[in-house]
N, C-alpha and C. Protein backbone atom coordinates (compact mmCIF):
# COMPACT_ATOMS: atom_id res chain seq x y z
N UNK A 1 -27.15 53.85 -27.58
CA UNK A 1 -27.57 53.15 -28.47
C UNK A 1 -26.33 52.37 -29.45
N UNK A 2 -27.09 50.96 -29.71
CA UNK A 2 -26.06 50.24 -30.40
C UNK A 2 -26.49 49.69 -31.58
N UNK A 3 -26.00 49.42 -32.73
CA UNK A 3 -26.77 48.80 -34.23
C UNK A 3 -26.16 47.56 -34.36
N UNK A 4 -27.03 46.85 -34.80
CA UNK A 4 -26.73 45.59 -35.36
C UNK A 4 -26.86 45.56 -37.31
N UNK A 5 -25.72 45.11 -37.58
CA UNK A 5 -25.39 45.00 -39.20
C UNK A 5 -25.11 43.58 -40.05
N UNK A 6 -25.78 43.31 -40.76
CA UNK A 6 -25.67 42.25 -41.40
C UNK A 6 -25.31 42.31 -42.95
N UNK A 7 -24.22 41.54 -43.08
CA UNK A 7 -24.09 41.96 -44.62
C UNK A 7 -23.11 40.54 -45.04
N UNK A 8 -24.27 39.90 -46.30
CA UNK A 8 -23.90 38.62 -46.84
C UNK A 8 -22.36 38.66 -46.99
N UNK A 9 -21.44 37.53 -46.98
CA UNK A 9 -20.47 36.94 -47.09
C UNK A 9 -19.94 37.17 -48.53
N UNK A 10 -21.17 36.90 -49.10
CA UNK A 10 -20.69 36.90 -50.61
C UNK A 10 -20.02 38.24 -51.06
N UNK A 11 -21.16 39.44 -50.54
CA UNK A 11 -20.59 40.54 -51.02
C UNK A 11 -19.33 41.19 -50.63
N UNK A 12 -19.12 40.91 -49.21
CA UNK A 12 -17.51 41.21 -48.90
C UNK A 12 -16.38 40.22 -48.87
N UNK A 13 -16.45 39.18 -49.35
CA UNK A 13 -15.52 38.01 -49.55
C UNK A 13 -15.29 37.65 -51.21
N UNK A 14 -16.12 38.70 -52.08
CA UNK A 14 -15.67 38.05 -53.56
C UNK A 14 -14.93 38.39 -54.04
N UNK A 15 -14.00 38.80 -53.83
CA UNK A 15 -12.09 39.21 -54.24
C UNK A 15 -12.49 39.99 -55.55
N UNK A 16 -13.37 40.82 -55.40
CA UNK A 16 -13.42 41.36 -56.53
C UNK A 16 -13.61 43.13 -56.01
N UNK A 17 -13.40 44.11 -57.06
CA UNK A 17 -13.68 45.65 -56.82
C UNK A 17 -12.77 46.15 -55.62
N UNK A 18 -11.57 45.42 -55.56
CA UNK A 18 -10.67 45.82 -54.39
C UNK A 18 -11.39 44.66 -52.90
N UNK A 19 -12.13 43.78 -52.67
CA UNK A 19 -12.54 43.49 -51.76
C UNK A 19 -11.86 42.25 -51.40
N UNK A 20 -11.78 41.75 -50.22
CA UNK A 20 -10.66 40.74 -49.82
C UNK A 20 -11.44 39.40 -50.26
N UNK A 21 -10.60 38.50 -50.84
CA UNK A 21 -10.87 37.06 -51.22
C UNK A 21 -11.45 36.12 -50.53
N UNK A 22 -12.01 35.13 -50.60
CA UNK A 22 -12.94 33.99 -49.75
C UNK A 22 -11.84 33.45 -48.91
N UNK A 23 -10.31 33.39 -48.98
CA UNK A 23 -9.65 32.92 -48.08
C UNK A 23 -9.63 33.60 -47.10
N UNK A 24 -10.03 34.94 -47.00
CA UNK A 24 -10.03 35.79 -45.52
C UNK A 24 -10.52 35.30 -44.59
N UNK A 25 -11.94 34.67 -44.68
CA UNK A 25 -12.49 33.70 -43.78
C UNK A 25 -11.44 32.74 -43.00
N UNK A 26 -10.67 32.38 -43.53
CA UNK A 26 -9.82 31.30 -42.82
C UNK A 26 -8.48 32.63 -42.12
N UNK A 27 -8.57 33.38 -42.25
CA UNK A 27 -7.03 34.30 -41.72
C UNK A 27 -7.95 35.67 -40.65
N UNK A 28 -7.49 35.08 -39.35
CA UNK A 28 -8.45 36.14 -38.61
C UNK A 28 -7.68 37.75 -38.46
N UNK A 29 -6.80 37.70 -38.70
CA UNK A 29 -6.19 38.97 -38.53
C UNK A 29 -6.98 39.86 -39.99
N UNK A 30 -7.12 39.39 -41.41
CA UNK A 30 -7.76 39.52 -42.55
C UNK A 30 -9.19 39.97 -42.42
N UNK A 31 -9.95 39.03 -41.58
CA UNK A 31 -11.04 39.32 -41.43
C UNK A 31 -11.60 40.34 -40.17
N UNK A 32 -10.74 40.29 -39.42
CA UNK A 32 -10.65 41.59 -38.45
C UNK A 32 -10.46 42.99 -39.46
N UNK A 33 -9.74 42.99 -40.02
CA UNK A 33 -9.09 44.40 -40.85
C UNK A 33 -10.51 44.33 -41.67
N UNK A 34 -11.39 43.66 -42.42
CA UNK A 34 -12.39 43.50 -43.27
C UNK A 34 -13.53 44.14 -42.30
N UNK A 35 -13.46 43.72 -41.18
CA UNK A 35 -14.82 44.67 -40.71
C UNK A 35 -14.60 45.68 -40.45
N UNK A 36 -13.10 46.08 -39.70
CA UNK A 36 -12.94 47.62 -39.27
C UNK A 36 -13.15 48.37 -40.82
N UNK A 37 -12.86 47.91 -42.27
CA UNK A 37 -12.66 48.93 -43.24
C UNK A 37 -14.41 49.26 -43.55
N UNK A 38 -15.57 48.53 -42.94
CA UNK A 38 -16.68 49.05 -42.67
C UNK A 38 -16.87 50.16 -41.98
N UNK A 39 -15.91 50.79 -41.30
CA UNK A 39 -16.43 51.92 -40.65
C UNK A 39 -15.44 53.09 -40.66
N UNK A 40 -14.79 53.00 -41.81
CA UNK A 40 -13.56 53.87 -42.19
C UNK A 40 -12.46 54.26 -41.15
N UNK A 41 -11.78 55.18 -41.63
CA UNK A 41 -10.85 55.48 -40.49
C UNK A 41 -11.35 55.63 -38.59
N UNK A 42 -10.80 55.23 -37.88
CA UNK A 42 -10.68 54.98 -36.47
C UNK A 42 -9.83 55.59 -35.63
N UNK A 43 -9.92 56.50 -34.61
CA UNK A 43 -8.87 56.56 -33.85
C UNK A 43 -8.45 55.88 -32.51
N UNK A 44 -7.45 56.08 -32.47
CA UNK A 44 -7.11 55.37 -30.70
C UNK A 44 -6.53 54.23 -31.27
N UNK A 45 -5.57 53.58 -30.20
CA UNK A 45 -5.10 52.19 -30.13
C UNK A 45 -5.68 51.20 -30.34
N UNK A 46 -7.00 51.14 -29.75
CA UNK A 46 -7.45 49.84 -29.96
C UNK A 46 -9.04 50.55 -31.03
N UNK A 47 -9.42 50.28 -32.33
CA UNK A 47 -10.22 51.04 -32.96
C UNK A 47 -11.19 50.08 -32.77
N UNK A 48 -11.29 48.91 -32.84
CA UNK A 48 -12.46 47.83 -32.52
C UNK A 48 -12.89 48.45 -31.18
N UNK A 49 -12.50 48.40 -30.07
CA UNK A 49 -12.94 48.63 -29.10
C UNK A 49 -13.56 50.27 -28.88
N UNK A 50 -12.59 50.95 -29.34
CA UNK A 50 -13.35 52.73 -29.51
C UNK A 50 -14.54 52.64 -30.22
N UNK A 51 -14.69 51.97 -31.31
CA UNK A 51 -16.07 51.80 -32.32
C UNK A 51 -17.04 50.98 -31.94
N UNK A 52 -16.83 50.35 -30.44
CA UNK A 52 -17.58 49.68 -30.01
C UNK A 52 -18.29 48.53 -30.76
N UNK A 53 -16.86 47.89 -31.66
CA UNK A 53 -17.29 46.78 -33.03
C UNK A 53 -17.00 45.43 -32.09
N UNK A 54 -18.07 44.60 -32.15
CA UNK A 54 -18.16 42.81 -31.99
C UNK A 54 -18.86 42.46 -33.40
N UNK A 55 -18.09 41.00 -33.74
CA UNK A 55 -18.63 40.37 -34.67
C UNK A 55 -18.62 39.24 -34.50
N UNK A 56 -18.91 38.56 -35.66
CA UNK A 56 -18.87 37.02 -35.78
C UNK A 56 -19.54 36.80 -37.28
N UNK A 57 -19.07 35.25 -37.34
CA UNK A 57 -19.62 34.80 -38.84
C UNK A 57 -20.90 34.01 -39.02
N UNK A 58 -22.24 34.38 -39.53
CA UNK A 58 -22.99 33.48 -39.11
C UNK A 58 -23.10 32.29 -40.34
N UNK A 59 -22.45 31.39 -40.34
CA UNK A 59 -22.76 30.54 -40.91
C UNK A 59 -24.27 30.00 -41.63
N UNK A 60 -23.94 29.68 -43.28
CA UNK A 60 -25.31 29.16 -43.98
C UNK A 60 -26.00 28.39 -43.30
N UNK A 61 -27.40 28.23 -43.42
CA UNK A 61 -28.47 27.41 -43.26
C UNK A 61 -29.25 27.05 -44.47
N UNK A 62 -30.34 26.29 -44.03
CA UNK A 62 -31.63 26.02 -44.73
C UNK A 62 -31.97 27.23 -45.39
N UNK A 63 -32.25 27.95 -46.42
CA UNK A 63 -32.64 28.80 -47.18
C UNK A 63 -32.07 30.24 -46.45
N UNK A 64 -30.90 30.16 -45.82
CA UNK A 64 -30.31 31.25 -45.25
C UNK A 64 -28.28 31.23 -46.15
N UNK A 65 -28.10 32.49 -46.50
CA UNK A 65 -26.75 32.26 -46.91
C UNK A 65 -26.05 32.96 -45.62
N UNK A 66 -24.69 32.69 -45.64
CA UNK A 66 -23.77 33.27 -44.66
C UNK A 66 -23.71 34.57 -44.68
N UNK A 67 -23.50 35.28 -43.56
CA UNK A 67 -23.21 36.41 -43.22
C UNK A 67 -22.37 37.25 -41.92
N UNK A 68 -21.59 38.38 -42.33
CA UNK A 68 -21.38 38.71 -41.15
C UNK A 68 -22.29 39.52 -40.53
N UNK A 69 -22.28 39.54 -39.08
CA UNK A 69 -23.08 40.33 -37.99
C UNK A 69 -22.30 40.69 -37.52
N UNK A 70 -22.39 42.16 -37.31
CA UNK A 70 -21.63 43.28 -36.49
C UNK A 70 -22.38 44.20 -35.63
N UNK A 71 -22.00 44.12 -34.32
CA UNK A 71 -22.56 45.02 -33.63
C UNK A 71 -21.53 46.25 -33.61
N UNK A 72 -21.96 47.56 -33.52
CA UNK A 72 -21.51 48.57 -33.53
C UNK A 72 -21.88 50.11 -32.60
N UNK A 73 -21.17 50.72 -32.07
CA UNK A 73 -21.87 51.99 -31.31
C UNK A 73 -22.36 52.65 -32.50
N UNK A 74 -21.85 53.13 -33.35
CA UNK A 74 -22.57 53.66 -34.82
C UNK A 74 -22.40 53.08 -35.77
N UNK A 75 -23.46 53.23 -36.86
CA UNK A 75 -23.58 52.67 -38.27
C UNK A 75 -22.36 52.54 -38.98
N UNK A 76 -22.16 51.58 -39.62
CA UNK A 76 -20.71 51.51 -40.98
C UNK A 76 -21.32 52.28 -42.19
N UNK A 77 -20.14 52.87 -42.45
CA UNK A 77 -20.19 54.11 -43.61
C UNK A 77 -19.93 53.47 -44.72
N UNK A 78 -19.62 52.43 -45.16
CA UNK A 78 -19.59 51.44 -46.03
C UNK A 78 -20.86 51.21 -46.80
N UNK A 79 -20.88 51.15 -48.63
CA UNK A 79 -21.84 50.85 -49.09
C UNK A 79 -21.49 49.88 -49.79
N UNK A 80 -22.03 48.58 -49.40
CA UNK A 80 -22.30 47.57 -49.64
C UNK A 80 -23.77 46.69 -50.21
N UNK A 81 -23.71 46.28 -51.26
CA UNK A 81 -24.83 45.81 -51.28
C UNK A 81 -25.56 44.67 -50.92
N UNK A 82 -26.76 44.92 -50.04
CA UNK A 82 -27.39 43.49 -49.45
C UNK A 82 -26.93 44.02 -47.80
N UNK A 83 -25.88 45.49 -47.76
CA UNK A 83 -25.71 45.48 -46.33
C UNK A 83 -27.10 45.84 -45.25
N UNK A 84 -27.77 45.56 -44.64
CA UNK A 84 -28.55 46.29 -43.24
C UNK A 84 -28.20 46.48 -42.24
N UNK A 85 -29.00 47.55 -41.70
CA UNK A 85 -28.45 48.02 -40.49
C UNK A 85 -29.44 48.54 -39.65
N UNK A 86 -29.79 48.25 -38.28
CA UNK A 86 -31.13 48.33 -37.45
C UNK A 86 -30.30 48.70 -36.21
N UNK A 87 -31.06 49.85 -35.77
CA UNK A 87 -30.72 50.40 -34.16
C UNK A 87 -31.05 48.95 -33.08
N UNK A 88 -30.32 48.81 -32.14
CA UNK A 88 -30.61 47.20 -31.43
C UNK A 88 -31.47 47.97 -30.38
N UNK A 89 -32.63 47.06 -30.11
CA UNK A 89 -33.53 47.26 -28.91
C UNK A 89 -32.46 47.12 -27.70
N UNK A 90 -33.85 47.52 -26.85
CA UNK A 90 -33.19 47.55 -25.09
C UNK A 90 -33.19 46.28 -24.83
N UNK A 91 -32.41 45.71 -23.70
CA UNK A 91 -32.10 44.31 -23.25
C UNK A 91 -33.69 43.97 -22.89
N UNK A 92 -34.44 42.86 -22.48
CA UNK A 92 -35.53 42.41 -21.90
C UNK A 92 -35.71 42.47 -20.47
N UNK A 93 -36.76 42.66 -20.01
CA UNK A 93 -36.97 42.87 -18.51
C UNK A 93 -36.18 41.77 -17.76
N UNK A 94 -35.84 42.01 -16.43
CA UNK A 94 -35.75 40.57 -15.75
C UNK A 94 -37.13 39.64 -15.44
N UNK A 95 -36.54 38.04 -15.34
CA UNK A 95 -37.44 37.21 -15.45
C UNK A 95 -37.92 36.89 -16.90
N UNK A 96 -37.34 37.50 -18.04
CA UNK A 96 -37.68 36.98 -19.58
C UNK A 96 -37.01 35.98 -19.66
N UNK A 97 -37.62 34.83 -20.47
CA UNK A 97 -36.83 33.75 -21.00
C UNK A 97 -36.55 34.30 -22.25
N UNK A 98 -35.28 33.85 -22.72
CA UNK A 98 -34.67 34.39 -23.82
C UNK A 98 -33.87 33.32 -24.43
N UNK A 99 -33.28 33.57 -25.72
CA UNK A 99 -32.48 32.80 -26.81
C UNK A 99 -31.69 33.29 -26.98
N UNK A 100 -30.64 32.71 -26.92
CA UNK A 100 -29.36 33.64 -27.28
C UNK A 100 -28.22 32.79 -27.88
N UNK A 101 -27.64 33.78 -28.71
CA UNK A 101 -26.26 33.17 -29.57
C UNK A 101 -25.06 33.54 -29.72
N UNK A 102 -23.94 33.15 -28.98
CA UNK A 102 -22.68 33.49 -29.03
C UNK A 102 -21.80 32.80 -29.57
N UNK A 103 -20.79 33.96 -29.95
CA UNK A 103 -19.74 33.44 -30.57
C UNK A 103 -18.43 33.80 -29.57
N UNK A 104 -17.79 32.77 -29.15
CA UNK A 104 -16.93 32.72 -28.16
C UNK A 104 -15.58 32.02 -28.15
N UNK A 105 -14.74 32.08 -27.43
CA UNK A 105 -13.23 31.46 -27.45
C UNK A 105 -13.50 30.79 -26.17
N UNK A 106 -13.59 29.60 -26.49
CA UNK A 106 -13.86 28.86 -25.35
C UNK A 106 -12.63 27.91 -24.80
N UNK A 107 -11.56 29.06 -24.24
CA UNK A 107 -10.55 28.32 -23.63
C UNK A 107 -10.30 28.69 -22.49
N UNK A 108 -9.75 28.16 -21.70
CA UNK A 108 -9.47 28.00 -20.25
C UNK A 108 -7.66 27.97 -20.10
N UNK A 109 -7.46 29.02 -18.98
CA UNK A 109 -5.80 29.08 -18.65
C UNK A 109 -5.53 28.28 -17.79
N UNK A 110 -4.31 27.64 -17.62
CA UNK A 110 -3.88 26.89 -16.41
C UNK A 110 -2.93 27.60 -15.36
N UNK A 111 -2.26 26.98 -14.55
CA UNK A 111 -1.25 27.60 -13.69
C UNK A 111 -0.37 27.14 -14.66
N UNK A 112 -0.37 26.26 -14.92
CA UNK A 112 1.23 25.57 -15.47
C UNK A 112 1.41 26.77 -16.85
N UNK A 113 2.89 26.63 -17.31
CA UNK A 113 3.34 27.03 -18.43
C UNK A 113 4.02 26.24 -19.68
N UNK A 114 3.88 26.95 -20.67
CA UNK A 114 4.17 26.55 -21.97
C UNK A 114 5.32 26.53 -22.02
N UNK A 115 6.11 25.74 -23.31
CA UNK A 115 7.59 26.07 -23.35
C UNK A 115 8.18 27.45 -24.32
N UNK A 116 7.12 28.47 -24.22
CA UNK A 116 7.30 29.59 -24.26
C UNK A 116 7.57 30.69 -22.83
N UNK A 117 7.28 29.67 -22.21
CA UNK A 117 6.79 30.70 -20.63
C UNK A 117 5.64 31.15 -20.77
N UNK A 118 4.69 30.82 -21.42
CA UNK A 118 3.16 31.63 -20.99
C UNK A 118 2.12 30.70 -20.46
N UNK A 119 1.11 30.73 -20.20
CA UNK A 119 0.49 30.08 -19.22
C UNK A 119 -0.37 29.39 -19.90
N UNK A 120 0.08 27.98 -19.81
CA UNK A 120 -0.83 27.06 -20.54
C UNK A 120 -2.52 26.91 -21.07
N UNK A 121 -3.04 26.53 -21.86
CA UNK A 121 -4.40 26.54 -22.14
C UNK A 121 -4.87 25.51 -22.63
N UNK A 122 -6.09 25.20 -22.63
CA UNK A 122 -6.58 23.90 -22.78
C UNK A 122 -8.11 24.28 -23.43
N UNK A 123 -9.11 23.73 -24.52
CA UNK A 123 -10.71 24.36 -24.65
C UNK A 123 -11.23 23.44 -23.86
N UNK A 124 -12.06 24.15 -23.66
CA UNK A 124 -13.48 23.98 -22.84
C UNK A 124 -13.78 22.91 -23.35
N UNK A 125 -13.63 21.44 -22.50
CA UNK A 125 -15.04 20.44 -23.19
C UNK A 125 -16.26 20.35 -22.95
N UNK A 126 -16.52 19.69 -24.76
CA UNK A 126 -17.91 19.89 -25.00
C UNK A 126 -18.43 19.32 -24.13
N UNK A 127 -19.98 19.66 -23.78
CA UNK A 127 -20.76 18.53 -23.15
C UNK A 127 -20.95 17.27 -23.67
N UNK A 128 -20.78 16.98 -24.62
CA UNK A 128 -20.90 15.62 -25.19
C UNK A 128 -19.54 14.88 -25.37
N UNK A 129 -18.53 15.20 -24.83
CA UNK A 129 -17.15 14.57 -24.67
C UNK A 129 -17.20 13.59 -23.43
N UNK A 130 -17.43 12.21 -23.97
CA UNK A 130 -17.64 10.94 -23.16
C UNK A 130 -16.42 11.20 -21.63
N UNK A 131 -15.28 11.22 -22.56
CA UNK A 131 -13.76 11.55 -21.36
C UNK A 131 -13.81 12.52 -20.57
N UNK A 132 -15.05 13.16 -20.51
CA UNK A 132 -14.61 14.45 -19.56
C UNK A 132 -15.55 14.26 -17.91
N UNK A 133 -14.93 14.28 -16.98
CA UNK A 133 -16.07 14.05 -15.81
C UNK A 133 -15.70 15.39 -14.67
N UNK A 134 -15.72 16.55 -15.47
CA UNK A 134 -15.23 17.52 -14.92
C UNK A 134 -16.26 18.73 -15.31
N UNK A 135 -16.15 19.96 -15.26
CA UNK A 135 -17.16 21.05 -15.98
C UNK A 135 -17.13 21.23 -17.38
N UNK A 136 -17.80 21.24 -18.11
CA UNK A 136 -17.80 21.26 -19.69
C UNK A 136 -18.66 22.69 -20.16
N UNK A 137 -18.81 22.52 -21.30
CA UNK A 137 -19.34 23.88 -22.27
C UNK A 137 -20.31 24.69 -21.70
N UNK A 138 -21.31 24.06 -21.27
CA UNK A 138 -22.57 24.71 -20.26
C UNK A 138 -22.29 25.34 -18.92
N UNK A 139 -21.29 25.18 -18.32
CA UNK A 139 -20.61 25.49 -17.03
C UNK A 139 -20.20 26.78 -17.49
N UNK A 140 -19.16 26.53 -18.87
CA UNK A 140 -18.17 27.49 -18.99
C UNK A 140 -19.29 28.84 -19.39
N UNK A 141 -19.89 28.56 -20.23
CA UNK A 141 -20.89 29.95 -20.94
C UNK A 141 -21.92 30.42 -19.86
N UNK A 142 -22.27 29.49 -18.57
CA UNK A 142 -23.05 29.87 -17.44
C UNK A 142 -21.80 31.04 -16.68
N UNK A 143 -20.87 30.67 -16.51
CA UNK A 143 -19.66 31.87 -15.97
C UNK A 143 -19.92 32.98 -16.31
N UNK A 144 -19.71 32.77 -17.88
CA UNK A 144 -19.72 34.02 -18.44
C UNK A 144 -20.67 34.86 -18.45
N UNK A 145 -22.04 34.23 -18.41
CA UNK A 145 -23.00 34.94 -18.41
C UNK A 145 -23.82 35.34 -16.95
N UNK A 146 -22.82 34.91 -15.97
CA UNK A 146 -23.72 34.93 -14.92
C UNK A 146 -23.80 36.96 -14.44
N UNK A 147 -25.20 36.51 -13.67
CA UNK A 147 -25.32 37.88 -12.95
C UNK A 147 -26.45 38.47 -14.22
N UNK A 148 -26.02 38.36 -15.64
CA UNK A 148 -26.85 38.62 -16.77
C UNK A 148 -28.24 37.83 -17.12
N UNK A 149 -27.63 36.84 -17.27
CA UNK A 149 -28.42 35.45 -17.52
C UNK A 149 -28.10 34.43 -17.15
N UNK A 150 -29.42 33.71 -16.48
CA UNK A 150 -29.69 32.71 -15.63
C UNK A 150 -30.23 31.41 -16.23
N UNK A 151 -29.98 30.21 -15.39
CA UNK A 151 -30.55 28.95 -16.05
C UNK A 151 -30.20 28.55 -17.41
N UNK A 152 -28.90 28.75 -17.37
CA UNK A 152 -28.55 28.59 -18.97
C UNK A 152 -28.40 26.84 -19.12
N UNK A 153 -29.12 27.04 -20.76
CA UNK A 153 -29.26 25.60 -21.09
C UNK A 153 -28.47 25.78 -22.96
N UNK A 154 -27.68 24.76 -23.03
CA UNK A 154 -27.17 25.15 -24.81
C UNK A 154 -27.86 23.86 -25.46
N UNK A 155 -28.05 24.24 -26.50
CA UNK A 155 -29.05 23.65 -27.58
C UNK A 155 -28.35 23.12 -29.00
N UNK A 156 -27.33 23.92 -29.43
CA UNK A 156 -26.19 23.51 -30.38
C UNK A 156 -25.08 24.34 -29.73
N UNK A 157 -23.78 23.56 -30.49
CA UNK A 157 -22.76 24.38 -30.07
C UNK A 157 -22.04 23.68 -31.20
N UNK A 158 -21.12 24.63 -32.10
CA UNK A 158 -20.17 24.48 -33.10
C UNK A 158 -18.78 25.13 -32.60
N UNK A 159 -17.98 23.92 -33.12
CA UNK A 159 -16.33 24.16 -32.57
C UNK A 159 -15.80 24.29 -34.14
N UNK A 160 -14.97 25.99 -34.43
CA UNK A 160 -14.25 25.80 -35.54
C UNK A 160 -12.87 26.59 -35.24
N UNK A 161 -12.04 26.20 -35.66
CA UNK A 161 -10.69 26.64 -35.47
C UNK A 161 -9.65 27.07 -36.98
N UNK A 162 -9.78 28.50 -37.06
CA UNK A 162 -9.28 29.32 -38.30
C UNK A 162 -8.00 29.43 -38.14
N UNK A 163 -7.25 29.80 -38.96
CA UNK A 163 -5.63 30.42 -39.12
C UNK A 163 -4.72 29.77 -38.87
N UNK A 164 -5.23 28.33 -38.95
CA UNK A 164 -3.79 27.29 -39.15
C UNK A 164 -2.68 27.81 -39.91
N UNK A 165 -3.04 28.29 -41.01
CA UNK A 165 -1.70 28.68 -41.86
C UNK A 165 -1.42 29.86 -42.10
N UNK A 166 -1.65 30.48 -40.57
CA UNK A 166 -1.10 32.20 -40.35
C UNK A 166 -0.92 32.50 -39.02
N UNK A 167 -0.20 33.54 -38.74
CA UNK A 167 0.58 33.62 -37.28
C UNK A 167 -0.79 33.64 -35.93
N UNK A 168 -1.74 34.02 -36.72
CA UNK A 168 -3.09 34.06 -35.60
C UNK A 168 -4.07 32.97 -35.53
N UNK A 169 -3.98 32.14 -34.88
CA UNK A 169 -4.62 30.79 -34.76
C UNK A 169 -6.08 31.08 -33.64
N UNK A 170 -7.15 31.21 -33.99
CA UNK A 170 -8.30 31.38 -33.24
C UNK A 170 -9.54 30.52 -33.18
N UNK A 171 -9.47 29.52 -31.95
CA UNK A 171 -10.92 28.63 -31.84
C UNK A 171 -11.54 29.77 -31.78
N UNK A 172 -12.99 29.49 -32.23
CA UNK A 172 -14.31 29.82 -32.23
C UNK A 172 -15.47 29.16 -31.81
N UNK A 173 -16.11 29.08 -30.98
CA UNK A 173 -17.36 28.27 -30.55
C UNK A 173 -18.57 28.82 -30.74
N UNK A 174 -19.49 28.73 -31.64
CA UNK A 174 -20.70 29.34 -32.09
C UNK A 174 -21.88 28.20 -31.10
N UNK A 175 -22.11 28.96 -30.33
CA UNK A 175 -23.37 28.29 -29.09
C UNK A 175 -24.69 29.20 -29.42
N UNK A 176 -25.79 28.08 -29.17
CA UNK A 176 -26.78 28.46 -29.47
C UNK A 176 -27.59 28.09 -28.04
N UNK A 177 -28.36 28.73 -27.17
CA UNK A 177 -29.13 28.05 -26.15
C UNK A 177 -30.23 29.33 -25.69
N UNK A 178 -30.89 28.50 -24.30
CA UNK A 178 -31.92 29.29 -23.53
C UNK A 178 -31.31 29.79 -22.50
N UNK A 179 -31.96 30.68 -21.75
CA UNK A 179 -31.80 31.20 -20.18
C UNK A 179 -33.13 32.22 -19.91
N UNK A 180 -32.85 32.93 -19.12
CA UNK A 180 -33.99 33.92 -18.37
C UNK A 180 -32.81 35.00 -17.72
N UNK A 181 -33.22 36.12 -18.28
CA UNK A 181 -32.50 37.45 -17.95
C UNK A 181 -32.41 37.74 -16.30
N UNK A 182 -31.78 38.33 -15.84
CA UNK A 182 -31.51 38.00 -14.34
C UNK A 182 -31.31 39.72 -13.82
N UNK A 183 -30.63 40.38 -14.89
CA UNK A 183 -30.41 41.60 -14.44
C UNK A 183 -30.28 42.05 -15.91
N UNK A 184 -31.42 43.09 -16.28
CA UNK A 184 -31.08 44.05 -17.76
C UNK A 184 -30.21 45.02 -17.67
N UNK A 185 -29.68 45.56 -16.86
CA UNK A 185 -28.66 46.23 -16.98
C UNK A 185 -27.11 45.74 -17.27
N UNK A 186 -26.81 44.77 -16.08
CA UNK A 186 -25.78 43.77 -16.40
C UNK A 186 -26.09 42.94 -17.69
N UNK A 187 -26.78 42.78 -18.54
CA UNK A 187 -27.06 41.98 -19.42
C UNK A 187 -26.71 42.98 -20.71
N UNK A 188 -27.06 44.13 -20.70
CA UNK A 188 -26.46 45.12 -21.35
C UNK A 188 -25.36 45.72 -21.65
N UNK A 189 -24.68 45.54 -20.15
CA UNK A 189 -23.23 45.80 -20.54
C UNK A 189 -22.28 44.87 -21.26
N UNK A 190 -23.08 43.55 -20.79
CA UNK A 190 -22.14 42.29 -21.29
C UNK A 190 -22.44 42.30 -22.91
N UNK A 191 -23.68 42.97 -23.62
CA UNK A 191 -23.65 42.73 -24.74
C UNK A 191 -22.73 44.10 -25.22
N UNK A 192 -22.60 45.10 -24.68
CA UNK A 192 -21.54 45.95 -25.34
C UNK A 192 -20.22 45.80 -24.93
N UNK A 193 -20.01 45.21 -24.05
CA UNK A 193 -18.49 44.65 -23.69
C UNK A 193 -18.17 43.46 -24.45
N UNK A 194 -19.13 42.49 -24.62
CA UNK A 194 -18.44 41.06 -25.53
C UNK A 194 -18.00 40.33 -24.34
N UNK A 195 -18.09 38.89 -24.48
CA UNK A 195 -18.16 37.85 -24.16
C UNK A 195 -16.56 37.37 -24.26
N UNK A 196 -15.36 37.09 -23.37
CA UNK A 196 -14.60 36.46 -23.20
C UNK A 196 -13.18 37.33 -24.20
N UNK A 197 -12.37 36.49 -24.41
CA UNK A 197 -11.19 36.69 -25.31
C UNK A 197 -11.70 36.67 -26.81
N UNK A 198 -10.35 37.21 -27.46
CA UNK A 198 -10.25 37.13 -29.10
C UNK A 198 -11.29 38.09 -29.34
N UNK A 199 -11.90 39.01 -29.00
CA UNK A 199 -12.83 39.98 -29.78
C UNK A 199 -12.42 40.49 -31.13
N UNK A 200 -11.02 41.08 -31.00
CA UNK A 200 -10.89 41.36 -32.60
C UNK A 200 -10.72 40.17 -33.85
N UNK A 201 -10.91 38.69 -32.89
CA UNK A 201 -11.01 37.80 -34.30
C UNK A 201 -12.41 37.04 -34.45
N UNK A 202 -13.38 37.85 -34.03
CA UNK A 202 -14.78 36.99 -34.27
C UNK A 202 -15.45 36.61 -33.03
N UNK A 203 -14.50 36.58 -31.69
CA UNK A 203 -15.45 36.25 -31.07
C UNK A 203 -15.94 37.11 -29.63
N UNK A 204 -16.71 36.81 -28.78
CA UNK A 204 -17.48 37.88 -27.90
C UNK A 204 -18.79 38.55 -28.39
N UNK A 205 -19.21 38.29 -29.54
CA UNK A 205 -20.25 38.63 -29.66
C UNK A 205 -21.55 37.61 -29.40
N UNK A 206 -22.40 38.32 -28.13
CA UNK A 206 -23.56 37.84 -27.74
C UNK A 206 -25.08 38.44 -28.21
N UNK A 207 -25.62 37.93 -28.58
CA UNK A 207 -27.12 38.01 -29.16
C UNK A 207 -28.35 37.56 -28.74
N UNK A 208 -29.65 38.32 -28.25
CA UNK A 208 -30.60 37.45 -27.41
C UNK A 208 -32.23 37.93 -27.95
N UNK A 209 -32.85 37.11 -27.82
CA UNK A 209 -34.15 37.10 -28.56
C UNK A 209 -35.21 37.02 -27.38
N UNK A 210 -36.28 38.02 -27.05
CA UNK A 210 -37.11 37.22 -25.68
C UNK A 210 -37.98 36.39 -26.83
N UNK A 211 -38.50 35.57 -25.74
CA UNK A 211 -39.10 34.30 -26.11
C UNK A 211 -40.58 34.35 -25.49
N UNK A 212 -41.89 33.96 -26.49
CA UNK A 212 -43.02 34.06 -25.89
C UNK A 212 -43.84 35.52 -25.77
């Protein structure tokens, strides 16, 4: 069983009582450290993976404050006002229409090399990019969800780049879409493992909700 935890952003980024300041939202490494502090000491070379932690920043909306959403194998141990944790339900059955939200690092690698000798990368084009005549965001998301969710359609897509003034720059694509569950077991594996890269920095968390 996994758990979903929602923490109001203004509670954990208050800059008071020893908590990080608001600028931590613009620092991927500071954001990672803040999330892991919710769970206390975690052993292993990769504490995040060891604790089964994935997270994303939920932006504020009409009647809704910004929040940090965290999936984890065990509930957090930190005591923070407004923190809410609940067990996550099982994946919907095959054939179930679902709405999904995915925070992903939509970057493709190429065979070319950059000046540092590393594989060159580029951002996956948005669906509404008039200059692009090839695969775009819908195709990229469908590839990542293949085997778990089919008939993928994207409703909203927000792209944000953080960490420009730090040593770690991360592009985060927040995608809302629809699809149909193809294999509940594969979907459960994908939910637990996360989608794509940059999972330490707020990418990879997929959530689904059955429709109808």
